[in-house]
Amino acid sequence: MSSRMPRWSRTGCTSTSTPVGERTDPIETRRKRVDAEASRLAGLGATITGALSEERLDHYAVGMKDPEGNEFDTN
């Protein structure tokens, strides 16, 4: 069984060469990308509720709420 997961796109599922669990970009690059997406969504009416970060886990996400109050994360 392969340790590779498919990558989804707007046109459907495509294969990827990145093994499951491996990051291809540094945490600071992902942090900037997530913050930019959170800002874009805030401009569309979402509310930022806080950053979700674990130093030792190499993970970063932003907790948000849509205009109806539904919670979601951007990562």
Protein backbone atom coordinates (compact mmCIF):
# COMPACT_ATOMS: atom_id res chain seq x y z
CA MET A 1 0.00 0.00 0.00
CA SER A 2 1.34 3.43 -0.92
CA SER A 3 2.13 6.07 1.71
CA ARG A 4 1.13 8.80 -0.71
CA MET A 5 -2.21 10.55 -0.54
CA PRO A 6 -4.05 12.12 -3.50
CA ARG A 7 -4.20 15.88 -3.90
CA TRP A 8 -7.58 17.37 -4.71
CA SER A 9 -8.04 20.19 -7.16
CA ARG A 10 -11.01 21.99 -8.66
CA THR A 11 -10.99 19.51 -11.51
CA GLY A 12 -10.77 16.40 -9.32
CA CYS A 13 -8.18 14.23 -7.65
CA THR A 14 -4.59 14.19 -8.84
CA SER A 15 -1.65 12.20 -7.50
CA THR A 16 1.11 13.79 -5.45
CA SER A 17 4.73 12.89 -4.85
CA THR A 18 4.77 14.17 -1.25
CA PRO A 19 4.57 11.33 1.29
CA VAL A 20 1.88 11.59 3.96
CA GLY A 21 3.01 13.66 6.92
CA GLU A 22 5.86 15.43 5.14
CA ARG A 23 5.83 19.21 4.81
CA THR A 24 7.27 20.70 1.65
CA ASP A 25 7.50 24.30 2.82
CA PRO A 26 8.82 25.87 6.06
CA ILE A 27 6.44 26.86 8.86
CA GLU A 28 7.03 30.58 8.28
CA THR A 29 5.99 30.22 4.64
CA ARG A 30 2.82 28.37 5.66
CA ARG A 31 2.13 30.94 8.41
CA LYS A 32 2.27 33.81 5.89
CA ARG A 33 0.02 31.92 3.44
CA VAL A 34 -2.53 31.08 6.18
CA ASP A 35 -2.52 34.65 7.52
CA ALA A 36 -3.08 36.01 4.00
CA GLU A 37 -6.03 33.64 3.47
CA ALA A 38 -7.48 34.55 6.89
CA SER A 39 -7.23 38.25 6.01
CA ARG A 40 -8.94 37.62 2.68
CA LEU A 41 -11.78 35.74 4.37
CA ALA A 42 -12.10 38.47 7.03
CA GLY A 43 -12.52 40.95 4.20
CA LEU A 44 -15.45 38.86 2.99
CA GLY A 45 -17.17 38.95 6.39
CA ALA A 46 -15.56 36.18 8.46
CA THR A 47 -14.29 36.85 11.98
CA ILE A 48 -10.85 35.77 13.18
CA THR A 49 -11.15 34.05 16.57
CA GLY A 50 -7.48 33.25 17.14
CA ALA A 51 -4.33 31.56 15.96
CA LEU A 52 -3.82 27.87 16.62
CA SER A 53 -0.11 27.15 16.83
CA GLU A 54 2.02 24.48 18.43
CA GLU A 55 5.74 25.21 18.34
CA ARG A 56 6.88 21.61 18.68
CA LEU A 57 4.25 20.23 16.27
CA ASP A 58 5.11 22.36 13.24
CA HIS A 59 1.45 23.31 12.80
CA TYR A 60 -0.29 26.64 12.26
CA ALA A 61 -3.95 27.45 11.65
CA VAL A 62 -6.32 30.38 12.20
CA GLY A 63 -9.67 29.80 13.87
CA MET A 64 -12.51 31.75 12.27
CA LYS A 65 -16.30 32.17 12.21
CA ASP A 66 -18.40 32.84 9.15
CA PRO A 67 -21.04 35.62 9.22
CA GLU A 68 -23.62 33.09 10.49
CA GLY A 69 -21.41 32.08 13.44
CA ASN A 70 -20.20 28.71 12.12
CA GLU A 71 -16.64 27.97 13.25
CA PHE A 72 -13.91 26.76 10.90
CA ASP A 73 -10.13 26.68 10.65
CA THR A 74 -7.87 27.86 7.87
CA ASN A 75 -4.59 25.97 7.63
